[in-house]
Amino acid sequence: MIIIAHRGFHKIYQENCLKAFEAAIGKADAIEMDIHITKDKKLVVYHNPKIKTLNKRINELTLKQIKNYSKKIPLFEDVLKTMRKRIKFVIEIKTKDIEKDVLNLTKKYLSYNDFVFISFKEYVLGKLKKLDKRVKTGLIIGPYDKELGIIKSFLKFLKNSIFINKIGKTYKIDFYGINHIVAPLYFSWAKKNKKQIFLWVVNNKNIRKYKNKKYKGIIAGIISNTPDVAKQIFKLSNL
């Protein structure tokens, strides 16, 4: 079980900034971050594909324009250089066709056991595995279809579980990221199919219910905005 600081430890600092990542040291085993590419092909760490204040997508802006908007938005390389050998990395790729650039830069600074890649897009993970079969990848599955509701969404998932298993094998997915709101419905599926799960985003009192022996071997990690609380509940853990 590992504890992952969601976009860094941002109780005080802006999420996905260097200070938030540094603040996670000692409070988490790993930091989670989101990667986009700028118009001038620079990899930056930012959650949304669009900067709403500027009404433009990251890939429509140069690094200079982004830095003029906010100097707190870091280059991915600066995060790697600053945080390597200090904490593990969970790297979410938010944009297609940047897999090779992200992989090469990551491997320049980190060893294989120091990072994993995650994405909502299975083909992104497939590209990473094709480039380097040694990297670990995780497919994020959204919480649920709001029109269907939680139960019907899960039943739809079960109906498609053969397809999900096929995806896992085709793209060689190592684990799954499941939203904790619907996660209990997925545990039996995970156990039956021998899948490991990262739960997201689990905060404060909700964390305690997952400290249960029945989840051992199923829950590989918890992504949290309160990693300090999670760390206290689970004590020390290792990747």
Protein backbone atom coordinates (compact mmCIF):
# COMPACT_ATOMS: atom_id res chain seq x y z
CA MET A 1 0.00 0.00 0.00
CA ILE A 2 1.35 3.39 -0.95
CA ILE A 3 -0.01 6.84 -0.12
CA ILE A 4 -0.03 9.32 -3.00
CA ALA A 5 -0.35 13.09 -2.65
CA HIS A 6 -2.92 14.18 -5.24
CA ARG A 7 -1.33 17.07 -7.19
CA GLY A 8 1.10 17.42 -4.31
CA PHE A 9 0.28 18.50 -0.76
CA HIS A 10 -1.77 21.63 -1.41
CA LYS A 11 -3.34 22.61 1.88
CA ILE A 12 -1.25 25.78 1.73
CA TYR A 13 0.25 25.83 -1.75
CA GLN A 14 -1.30 25.81 -5.20
CA GLU A 15 -1.85 22.30 -6.54
CA ASN A 16 0.67 20.92 -9.03
CA CYS A 17 3.31 23.51 -8.12
CA LEU A 18 6.85 22.78 -6.93
CA LYS A 19 6.17 23.89 -3.36
CA ALA A 20 3.16 21.57 -3.15
CA PHE A 21 5.29 18.66 -4.33
CA GLU A 22 8.05 19.47 -1.86
CA ALA A 23 5.48 19.78 0.93
CA ALA A 24 4.43 16.16 0.24
CA ILE A 25 7.81 14.79 1.36
CA GLY A 26 7.31 12.89 4.62
CA LYS A 27 3.52 13.00 4.21
CA ALA A 28 3.25 10.64 1.23
CA ASP A 29 5.16 7.90 -0.59
CA ALA A 30 4.51 9.44 -4.00
CA ILE A 31 3.25 12.57 -5.73
CA GLU A 32 0.62 12.55 -8.49
CA MET A 33 0.77 15.14 -11.26
CA ASP A 34 -0.81 15.98 -14.63
CA ILE A 35 1.19 16.54 -17.80
CA HIS A 36 0.32 18.70 -20.83
CA ILE A 37 2.35 20.10 -23.72
CA THR A 38 2.58 23.76 -24.75
CA LYS A 39 2.39 25.24 -28.23
CA ASP A 40 6.20 25.37 -28.32
CA LYS A 41 6.48 21.72 -27.24
CA LYS A 42 7.37 22.16 -23.57
CA LEU A 43 5.96 19.68 -21.05
CA VAL A 44 4.25 21.42 -18.13
CA VAL A 45 2.47 20.27 -14.99
CA TYR A 46 -1.13 21.51 -14.84
CA HIS A 47 -4.45 19.79 -14.26
CA ASN A 48 -6.94 21.21 -16.76
CA PRO A 49 -6.33 21.17 -20.51
CA LYS A 50 -7.51 24.77 -20.58
CA ILE A 51 -6.53 27.86 -18.58
CA LYS A 52 -10.00 29.29 -18.06
CA THR A 53 -8.83 32.80 -17.17
CA LEU A 54 -7.05 33.04 -20.53
CA ASN A 55 -9.79 31.07 -22.32
CA LYS A 56 -7.13 29.03 -24.11
CA ARG A 57 -5.92 25.47 -24.00
CA ILE A 58 -2.38 24.71 -22.82
CA ASN A 59 -1.43 23.53 -26.31
CA GLU A 60 -2.47 26.92 -27.72
CA LEU A 61 -0.08 28.80 -25.43
CA THR A 62 3.70 29.11 -25.40
CA LEU A 63 5.66 28.50 -22.23
CA LYS A 64 6.37 32.24 -22.02
CA GLN A 65 2.64 33.04 -22.17
CA ILE A 66 1.95 30.47 -19.46
CA LYS A 67 4.72 31.81 -17.23
CA ASN A 68 3.40 35.35 -17.74
CA TYR A 69 0.04 34.09 -16.51
CA SER A 70 1.52 32.18 -13.54
CA LYS A 71 5.12 31.44 -12.61
CA LYS A 72 3.81 28.68 -10.32
CA ILE A 73 3.05 26.37 -13.25
CA PRO A 74 6.24 24.29 -13.46
CA LEU A 75 8.01 22.57 -16.28
CA PHE A 76 7.78 18.80 -15.90
CA GLU A 77 11.57 18.62 -16.17
CA ASP A 78 11.98 21.04 -13.24
CA VAL A 79 9.73 18.83 -11.10
CA LEU A 80 11.77 15.76 -12.06
CA LYS A 81 15.07 17.51 -11.30
CA THR A 82 13.83 18.91 -7.99
CA MET A 83 11.98 15.87 -6.66
CA ARG A 84 14.05 12.90 -7.91
CA LYS A 85 15.48 10.64 -5.20
CA ARG A 86 13.19 12.38 -2.69
CA ILE A 87 9.81 10.76 -3.49
CA LYS A 88 8.10 8.47 -6.03
CA PHE A 89 6.07 9.74 -9.02
CA VAL A 90 2.58 8.92 -10.33
CA ILE A 91 2.42 10.68 -13.69
CA GLU A 92 -0.91 11.23 -15.44
CA ILE A 93 -0.64 11.90 -19.16
CA LYS A 94 -3.51 14.21 -20.10
CA THR A 95 -2.65 14.77 -23.79
CA LYS A 96 -2.23 12.21 -26.56
CA ASP A 97 0.88 12.01 -28.74
CA ILE A 98 3.26 13.13 -25.99
CA GLU A 99 4.00 9.64 -24.69
CA LYS A 100 7.52 9.41 -26.14
CA ASP A 101 8.54 12.86 -24.87
CA VAL A 102 7.17 12.18 -21.37
CA LEU A 103 8.77 8.73 -21.22
CA ASN A 104 12.20 9.89 -22.39
CA LEU A 105 12.27 12.81 -19.98
CA THR A 106 11.08 10.65 -17.09
CA LYS A 107 13.73 8.00 -17.73
CA LYS A 108 16.40 10.70 -17.94
CA TYR A 109 15.90 11.49 -14.25
CA LEU A 110 14.15 8.50 -12.64
CA SER A 111 14.75 4.77 -12.35
CA TYR A 112 11.93 2.34 -13.23
CA ASN A 113 10.92 1.68 -9.62
CA ASP A 114 10.47 5.41 -8.98
CA PHE A 115 7.48 6.07 -11.25
CA VAL A 116 4.28 4.77 -12.82
CA PHE A 117 2.13 6.26 -15.59
CA ILE A 118 -1.65 6.63 -15.47
CA SER A 119 -4.24 7.80 -18.00
CA PHE A 120 -7.96 7.69 -18.80
CA LYS A 121 -6.93 6.67 -22.32
CA GLU A 122 -5.93 3.04 -22.74
CA TYR A 123 -4.22 3.69 -26.08
CA VAL A 124 -1.89 6.18 -24.35
CA LEU A 125 -0.83 3.40 -21.98
CA GLY A 126 -0.48 1.04 -24.92
CA LYS A 127 1.91 3.46 -26.65
CA LEU A 128 4.02 3.68 -23.50
CA LYS A 129 4.28 -0.11 -23.27
CA LYS A 130 5.16 -0.32 -26.93
CA LEU A 131 7.96 2.18 -26.37
CA ASP A 132 9.18 0.44 -23.22
CA LYS A 133 7.57 -2.72 -21.84
CA ARG A 134 9.28 -2.22 -18.46
CA VAL A 135 7.19 0.79 -17.46
CA LYS A 136 4.18 0.29 -15.16
CA THR A 137 0.85 1.69 -16.33
CA GLY A 138 -2.59 2.20 -14.78
CA LEU A 139 -5.93 2.82 -16.49
CA ILE A 140 -8.17 5.34 -14.72
CA ILE A 141 -11.87 4.46 -14.78
CA GLY A 142 -14.26 7.38 -14.22
CA PRO A 143 -16.65 7.45 -11.24
CA TYR A 144 -19.96 6.80 -13.01
CA ASP A 145 -22.37 7.99 -15.68
CA LYS A 146 -24.50 10.63 -13.96
CA GLU A 147 -27.46 9.87 -16.20
CA LEU A 148 -27.36 6.17 -15.34
CA GLY A 149 -26.43 6.55 -11.67
CA ILE A 150 -23.97 4.49 -9.64
CA ILE A 151 -25.61 1.04 -9.75
CA LYS A 152 -26.57 1.06 -13.44
CA SER A 153 -23.13 2.38 -14.34
CA PHE A 154 -21.54 -0.51 -12.48
CA LEU A 155 -23.86 -3.03 -14.16
CA LYS A 156 -22.83 -1.53 -17.49
CA PHE A 157 -19.20 -1.92 -16.43
CA LEU A 158 -19.78 -5.59 -15.55
CA LYS A 159 -21.41 -6.12 -18.92
CA ASN A 160 -18.29 -4.67 -20.48
CA SER A 161 -15.87 -6.33 -18.03
CA ILE A 162 -14.82 -8.85 -20.65
CA PHE A 163 -13.90 -5.87 -22.82
CA ILE A 164 -12.08 -4.26 -19.86
CA ASN A 165 -10.09 -7.48 -19.32
CA LYS A 166 -9.31 -7.57 -23.03
CA ILE A 167 -8.09 -3.96 -22.87
CA GLY A 168 -5.92 -4.85 -19.87
CA LYS A 169 -4.26 -7.67 -21.78
CA THR A 170 -4.05 -5.87 -25.13
CA TYR A 171 -2.47 -2.75 -23.65
CA LYS A 172 -0.72 -4.65 -20.84
CA ILE A 173 -2.25 -2.54 -18.07
CA ASP A 174 -0.74 -3.22 -14.65
CA PHE A 175 -3.39 -1.68 -12.37
CA TYR A 176 -6.63 0.34 -12.36
CA GLY A 177 -7.48 3.71 -10.85
CA ILE A 178 -11.01 3.60 -9.44
CA ASN A 179 -12.94 6.50 -7.91
CA HIS A 180 -13.50 5.61 -4.24
CA ILE A 181 -17.21 6.56 -4.36
CA VAL A 182 -17.93 3.51 -6.49
CA ALA A 183 -14.88 1.41 -5.55
CA PRO A 184 -16.67 -1.05 -3.19
CA LEU A 185 -18.69 -2.28 -6.15
CA TYR A 186 -15.47 -3.06 -8.03
CA PHE A 187 -13.58 -4.97 -5.33
CA SER A 188 -15.14 -8.35 -6.08
CA TRP A 189 -14.37 -7.86 -9.79
CA ALA A 190 -10.78 -6.89 -8.94
CA LYS A 191 -10.32 -9.88 -6.65
CA LYS A 192 -11.81 -12.33 -9.15
CA ASN A 193 -9.71 -10.98 -12.01
CA LYS A 194 -6.59 -10.45 -9.86
CA LYS A 195 -6.47 -6.72 -10.54
CA GLN A 196 -4.77 -4.17 -8.31
CA ILE A 197 -6.51 -0.85 -7.65
CA PHE A 198 -5.41 2.69 -6.85
CA LEU A 199 -8.28 4.53 -5.15
CA TRP A 200 -8.86 8.22 -5.93
CA VAL A 201 -9.45 10.76 -4.41
CA VAL A 202 -9.88 9.55 -0.80
CA ASN A 203 -9.77 12.21 1.91
CA ASN A 204 -9.92 12.53 5.70
CA LYS A 205 -12.36 10.18 7.47
CA ASN A 206 -13.15 8.21 4.29
CA ILE A 207 -9.63 6.76 4.34
CA ARG A 208 -10.08 4.68 7.49
CA LYS A 209 -12.62 2.26 5.98
CA TYR A 210 -9.99 0.98 3.55
CA LYS A 211 -7.69 -0.14 6.35
CA ASN A 212 -9.18 -3.61 6.27
CA LYS A 213 -7.48 -6.98 5.77
CA LYS A 214 -10.03 -7.96 3.13
CA TYR A 215 -8.58 -5.32 0.79
CA LYS A 216 -5.01 -6.57 1.13
CA GLY A 217 -3.59 -7.35 -2.28
CA ILE A 218 -6.40 -5.43 -4.01
CA ILE A 219 -5.76 -1.82 -2.98
CA ALA A 220 -2.23 -1.01 -4.13
CA GLY A 221 -2.42 2.71 -3.38
CA ILE A 222 -4.56 5.59 -2.14
CA ILE A 223 -4.50 8.95 -3.91
CA SER A 224 -5.47 11.66 -1.46
CA ASN A 225 -5.66 15.42 -0.90
CA THR A 226 -4.92 14.61 2.75
CA PRO A 227 -1.97 12.22 2.45
CA ASP A 228 -0.80 13.19 5.94
CA VAL A 229 -4.05 11.75 7.35
CA ALA A 230 -3.74 8.63 5.19
CA LYS A 231 -0.13 8.16 6.25
CA GLN A 232 -1.09 8.39 9.90
CA ILE A 233 -3.86 5.84 9.46
CA PHE A 234 -1.76 3.33 7.52
CA LYS A 235 1.55 4.22 9.19
CA LEU A 236 4.65 3.69 7.03
CA SER A 237 4.27 1.90 3.73
CA ASN A 238 6.47 1.00 0.76
CA LEU A 239 6.10 1.14 -3.02
